[in-house]
Amino acid sequence: MEMSIPTVMGVALGAIAVSMLALWLISIPLQDVSFIDCFWPIGFLVVTAAVYLVFQPANPNALILLLLCAVWSLRLGIYLFSRWRREGMDGRYQALVNKAEGNVHLFTLRKVFMLQGGMMFIVSLPLQLGQLPNDPPWLAVQMLGVSPLVWLGIALALLGIIFETVGDAQLARFKADPANEGTVLDTGLWRYTRHPNYFGDCCVFWGFYLIACDNGIGALSLPGALVITWLLTRWSGAALLERRMQRSKPEYADYVRRTPAFIPGAPKSPQG
């Protein structure tokens, strides 16, 4: 099969469709759709690996994207799966299911699996288009066979992975201590941003985008980086969590006042 934008996107769409259909079928006997969150990071690895295995791209950036995606997705996927096994069904999904009209399973197919599949297709565009041919390189100057733009993308993605990993570990350790029940984590990375895990996620995908841009055509995958930024800051990520925290923890308002919202920065003084 010739590697082109339509064929690459077709393989990615097929991989997502098969995955989401399989997960939907699994959710029926489980009576739980919230495990879809565990698959969210893994799904990007499925897409990236599907394109890589089908086309065997000569572009070395394809392997870089695959390896970076594997490190990010497996770490986060295992973390989210462990949390799901420990805490059970996410109340947000239960509230959504309670609104179902007609057949609940067809409802979840549309509102959970097809919706997330569509978002995954858009967000994964850098991982798809970034594997297209890169000969000759868009940026001729290279170091160790990799352009400065790709090195910048690698650095940003690794920074995001480290930031997210450390933030998740600090949060897990905080929640494991019964003495912290009802309090707000404001130490470690959480002192400098209210959402170090989401900020790290955002860095990862912008890193993917920079790598994708190296072949020129990958610049068209900008909607993927923009959509994940919107999801993390305005829709299902930080914004949703902040509303829940403000309702459940009165001291969170003070934390909001003194701590940068998303991009890390110096916290304000208690009197500030």
Protein backbone atom coordinates (compact mmCIF):
# COMPACT_ATOMS: atom_id res chain seq x y z
CA MET A 1 0.00 0.00 0.00
CA GLU A 2 1.38 3.39 -0.98
CA MET A 3 1.96 5.71 1.97
CA SER A 4 -0.06 8.89 1.55
CA ILE A 5 -2.19 11.12 3.73
CA PRO A 6 -5.47 9.30 2.85
CA THR A 7 -4.02 5.80 3.35
CA VAL A 8 -2.29 6.70 6.61
CA MET A 9 -5.45 8.31 7.98
CA GLY A 10 -7.49 5.34 6.79
CA VAL A 11 -5.30 2.87 8.69
CA ALA A 12 -5.47 5.06 11.80
CA LEU A 13 -9.25 5.36 11.57
CA GLY A 14 -9.62 1.61 11.09
CA ALA A 15 -7.43 0.86 14.12
CA ILE A 16 -9.46 3.23 16.28
CA ALA A 17 -12.81 1.89 15.04
CA VAL A 18 -11.87 -1.74 15.72
CA SER A 19 -10.48 -0.86 19.16
CA MET A 20 -13.52 1.14 20.22
CA LEU A 21 -15.95 -1.53 19.00
CA ALA A 22 -14.05 -4.19 20.96
CA LEU A 23 -14.01 -2.05 24.10
CA TRP A 24 -17.73 -1.34 23.77
CA LEU A 25 -18.46 -5.07 23.58
CA ILE A 26 -16.33 -5.63 26.70
CA SER A 27 -18.20 -2.87 28.55
CA ILE A 28 -21.56 -4.63 28.15
CA PRO A 29 -20.90 -7.60 30.47
CA LEU A 30 -18.79 -5.39 32.76
CA GLN A 31 -21.61 -2.84 33.13
CA ASP A 32 -18.89 -0.22 33.33
CA VAL A 33 -17.65 2.12 30.59
CA SER A 34 -15.25 4.16 32.71
CA PHE A 35 -12.32 1.86 31.90
CA ILE A 36 -12.21 3.73 28.57
CA ASP A 37 -9.99 6.27 30.35
CA CYS A 38 -7.35 3.55 30.77
CA PHE A 39 -7.39 2.96 27.03
CA TRP A 40 -7.14 6.65 26.10
CA PRO A 41 -3.30 6.71 26.21
CA ILE A 42 -2.99 3.14 24.92
CA GLY A 43 -5.15 4.03 21.93
CA PHE A 44 -2.52 6.46 20.66
CA LEU A 45 0.06 3.70 20.76
CA VAL A 46 -2.33 1.44 18.82
CA VAL A 47 -2.72 4.12 16.14
CA THR A 48 1.00 4.87 15.91
CA ALA A 49 1.97 1.20 15.84
CA ALA A 50 -0.71 0.37 13.25
CA VAL A 51 0.60 3.02 10.84
CA TYR A 52 4.21 2.00 11.49
CA LEU A 53 3.60 -1.72 10.98
CA VAL A 54 1.43 -1.34 7.88
CA PHE A 55 3.73 1.05 6.01
CA GLN A 56 7.19 0.38 7.52
CA PRO A 57 8.07 4.06 6.87
CA ALA A 58 11.62 4.93 5.88
CA ASN A 59 11.30 8.22 7.76
CA PRO A 60 13.41 7.82 10.96
CA ASN A 61 11.04 10.18 12.73
CA ALA A 62 8.38 7.46 12.56
CA LEU A 63 10.39 5.26 14.93
CA ILE A 64 11.06 8.24 17.21
CA LEU A 65 7.32 8.94 17.42
CA LEU A 66 6.56 5.28 18.07
CA LEU A 67 9.10 4.98 20.88
CA LEU A 68 8.10 8.24 22.57
CA CYS A 69 4.43 7.34 22.30
CA ALA A 70 5.11 3.90 23.77
CA VAL A 71 6.91 5.32 26.81
CA TRP A 72 4.18 7.89 27.45
CA SER A 73 1.16 5.68 26.76
CA LEU A 74 2.27 2.55 28.63
CA ARG A 75 3.23 4.48 31.76
CA LEU A 76 -0.02 6.46 31.82
CA GLY A 77 -2.18 3.53 30.76
CA ILE A 78 -0.87 1.33 33.59
CA TYR A 79 -1.32 4.18 36.08
CA LEU A 80 -4.93 4.79 35.01
CA PHE A 81 -5.73 1.06 34.94
CA SER A 82 -4.42 0.64 38.48
CA ARG A 83 -6.54 3.56 39.63
CA TRP A 84 -9.64 2.13 37.95
CA ARG A 85 -9.11 -1.26 39.57
CA ARG A 86 -8.63 0.41 42.94
CA GLU A 87 -11.42 3.00 42.84
CA GLY A 88 -14.00 1.36 40.56
CA MET A 89 -16.37 3.09 38.18
CA ASP A 90 -15.85 6.80 37.69
CA GLY A 91 -18.88 8.76 38.93
CA ARG A 92 -18.78 11.02 35.87
CA TYR A 93 -19.54 8.08 33.60
CA GLN A 94 -22.25 6.80 35.93
CA ALA A 95 -23.94 10.20 35.77
CA LEU A 96 -23.72 10.08 31.97
CA VAL A 97 -25.18 6.58 31.81
CA ASN A 98 -28.04 7.66 34.07
CA LYS A 99 -29.08 10.11 31.34
CA ALA A 100 -29.40 7.37 28.74
CA GLU A 101 -32.64 7.23 26.79
CA GLY A 102 -33.56 3.96 25.10
CA ASN A 103 -30.96 1.20 24.91
CA VAL A 104 -28.21 2.11 27.34
CA HIS A 105 -25.55 0.20 25.42
CA LEU A 106 -26.28 1.95 22.14
CA PHE A 107 -26.20 5.20 24.12
CA THR A 108 -22.73 4.48 25.49
CA LEU A 109 -21.55 3.39 22.03
CA ARG A 110 -22.42 6.85 20.71
CA LYS A 111 -21.68 9.08 23.69
CA VAL A 112 -18.59 7.36 25.05
CA PHE A 113 -16.82 5.10 22.58
CA MET A 114 -17.58 6.82 19.26
CA LEU A 115 -17.02 10.25 20.81
CA GLN A 116 -13.66 9.31 22.30
CA GLY A 117 -12.70 7.52 19.10
CA GLY A 118 -13.39 10.67 17.09
CA MET A 119 -11.34 12.80 19.45
CA MET A 120 -8.52 10.24 19.42
CA PHE A 121 -8.40 10.35 15.62
CA ILE A 122 -7.98 14.14 15.61
CA VAL A 123 -5.52 14.31 18.52
CA SER A 124 -3.37 11.56 17.00
CA LEU A 125 -2.88 13.44 13.72
CA PRO A 126 0.77 14.33 14.54
CA LEU A 127 1.47 10.65 15.21
CA GLN A 128 -0.10 9.78 11.86
CA LEU A 129 1.20 12.48 9.52
CA GLY A 130 4.58 12.67 11.24
CA GLN A 131 5.39 9.22 9.82
CA LEU A 132 5.02 10.30 6.20
CA PRO A 133 8.20 10.43 4.06
CA ASN A 134 10.84 12.96 5.01
CA ASP A 135 13.25 12.75 2.07
CA PRO A 136 14.84 15.18 1.65
CA PRO A 137 14.41 16.54 5.20
CA TRP A 138 12.40 19.72 5.44
CA LEU A 139 15.18 21.15 7.61
CA ALA A 140 18.50 20.28 6.00
CA VAL A 141 20.67 20.91 9.07
CA GLN A 142 20.89 17.75 11.19
CA MET A 143 22.64 16.47 14.29
CA LEU A 144 23.16 12.69 14.46
CA GLY A 145 20.73 12.34 11.57
CA VAL A 146 17.97 14.26 13.36
CA SER A 147 16.98 17.86 12.69
CA PRO A 148 16.99 20.52 15.44
CA LEU A 149 13.20 20.66 15.22
CA VAL A 150 12.95 16.95 16.00
CA TRP A 151 15.43 17.28 18.88
CA LEU A 152 13.27 20.09 20.25
CA GLY A 153 10.19 17.91 19.94
CA ILE A 154 11.93 15.01 21.67
CA ALA A 155 13.06 17.28 24.51
CA LEU A 156 9.57 18.73 24.97
CA ALA A 157 7.91 15.30 24.92
CA LEU A 158 10.42 13.90 27.44
CA LEU A 159 9.92 16.93 29.67
CA GLY A 160 6.19 16.31 29.56
CA ILE A 161 6.58 12.61 30.37
CA ILE A 162 8.81 13.38 33.35
CA PHE A 163 6.57 16.18 34.56
CA GLU A 164 3.44 14.04 34.33
CA THR A 165 5.08 11.02 35.92
CA VAL A 166 6.40 12.98 38.89
CA GLY A 167 3.09 14.80 39.34
CA ASP A 168 1.10 11.55 39.30
CA ALA A 169 3.51 9.93 41.77
CA GLN A 170 3.26 12.88 44.16
CA LEU A 171 -0.54 12.82 43.96
CA ALA A 172 -0.72 9.06 44.52
CA ARG A 173 1.56 9.32 47.57
CA PHE A 174 -0.52 12.20 48.94
CA LYS A 175 -3.83 10.35 48.53
CA ALA A 176 -2.42 7.19 50.11
CA ASP A 177 -1.88 9.01 53.42
CA PRO A 178 -5.14 9.05 55.47
CA ALA A 179 -3.93 12.19 57.23
CA ASN A 180 -4.41 14.11 53.97
CA GLU A 181 -8.11 13.30 53.68
CA GLY A 182 -10.04 16.44 52.73
CA THR A 183 -6.91 18.55 52.21
CA VAL A 184 -5.31 19.98 49.07
CA LEU A 185 -1.94 18.89 47.70
CA ASP A 186 0.18 22.03 47.40
CA THR A 187 3.74 20.71 47.59
CA GLY A 188 6.18 19.40 44.99
CA LEU A 189 5.17 20.22 41.43
CA TRP A 190 1.68 20.98 42.70
CA ARG A 191 3.07 24.10 44.36
CA TYR A 192 3.94 25.60 40.97
CA THR A 193 0.92 24.54 38.90
CA ARG A 194 -2.50 23.24 39.85
CA HIS A 195 -2.29 20.61 37.11
CA PRO A 196 1.25 19.28 36.59
CA ASN A 197 -0.07 16.04 35.09
CA TYR A 198 -2.20 17.82 32.48
CA PHE A 199 0.60 20.28 31.73
CA GLY A 200 2.93 17.34 31.17
CA ASP A 201 0.39 15.71 28.85
CA CYS A 202 0.15 18.92 26.86
CA CYS A 203 3.93 19.11 26.47
CA VAL A 204 4.01 15.54 25.18
CA PHE A 205 1.56 16.23 22.38
CA TRP A 206 3.16 19.51 21.36
CA GLY A 207 6.44 17.58 21.24
CA PHE A 208 4.80 15.07 18.90
CA TYR A 209 3.62 17.97 16.77
CA LEU A 210 7.08 19.51 16.47
CA ILE A 211 8.48 16.17 15.35
CA ALA A 212 5.67 15.80 12.82
CA CYS A 213 6.43 19.24 11.39
CA ASP A 214 9.88 18.07 10.32
CA ASN A 215 8.53 16.49 7.12
CA GLY A 216 6.61 19.65 6.22
CA ILE A 217 3.24 17.96 5.69
CA GLY A 218 3.06 17.19 9.40
CA ALA A 219 2.37 20.87 10.05
CA LEU A 220 -1.18 20.11 8.88
CA SER A 221 -1.66 18.08 12.07
CA LEU A 222 -1.91 21.28 14.13
CA PRO A 223 -5.61 20.58 14.98
CA GLY A 224 -4.44 17.56 16.98
CA ALA A 225 -2.23 19.65 19.28
CA LEU A 226 -4.88 22.36 19.59
CA VAL A 227 -7.68 19.91 20.42
CA ILE A 228 -5.71 18.13 23.15
CA THR A 229 -4.82 21.51 24.66
CA TRP A 230 -8.50 22.45 24.68
CA LEU A 231 -9.50 19.10 26.18
CA LEU A 232 -6.91 19.39 28.95
CA THR A 233 -7.58 23.01 29.85
CA ARG A 234 -11.22 23.70 28.99
CA TRP A 235 -13.28 20.55 28.78
CA SER A 236 -12.52 17.19 30.40
CA GLY A 237 -9.27 18.00 32.18
CA ALA A 238 -8.42 20.94 34.39
CA ALA A 239 -11.74 22.78 34.10
CA LEU A 240 -13.83 19.77 35.14
CA LEU A 241 -11.52 18.88 38.01
CA GLU A 242 -11.48 22.45 39.31
CA ARG A 243 -15.27 22.62 39.48
CA ARG A 244 -15.36 19.37 41.46
CA MET A 245 -12.57 20.43 43.82
CA GLN A 246 -14.15 23.81 44.54
CA ARG A 247 -17.38 22.07 45.54
CA SER A 248 -15.74 19.45 47.75
CA LYS A 249 -12.80 21.29 49.36
CA PRO A 250 -13.32 24.82 50.74
CA GLU A 251 -9.57 25.46 51.00
CA TYR A 252 -9.19 24.89 47.26
CA ALA A 253 -10.23 28.51 46.60
CA ASP A 254 -7.13 29.73 48.41
CA TYR A 255 -5.00 27.23 46.53
CA VAL A 256 -6.42 28.60 43.26
CA ARG A 257 -5.61 32.16 44.32
CA ARG A 258 -1.93 31.50 45.03
CA THR A 259 -1.03 28.79 42.47
CA PRO A 260 -0.63 29.19 38.68
CA ALA A 261 -3.46 27.51 36.82
CA PHE A 262 -1.64 25.49 34.18
CA ILE A 263 1.78 26.68 33.06
CA PRO A 264 4.18 26.35 36.02
CA GLY A 265 5.26 29.55 37.72
CA ALA A 266 6.17 31.04 41.07
CA PRO A 267 3.33 30.75 43.60
CA LYS A 268 1.95 33.89 45.18
CA SER A 269 2.68 34.64 48.81
CA PRO A 270 -0.14 34.04 51.33
CA GLN A 271 -0.59 37.80 51.54
CA GLY A 272 -0.44 38.20 47.71
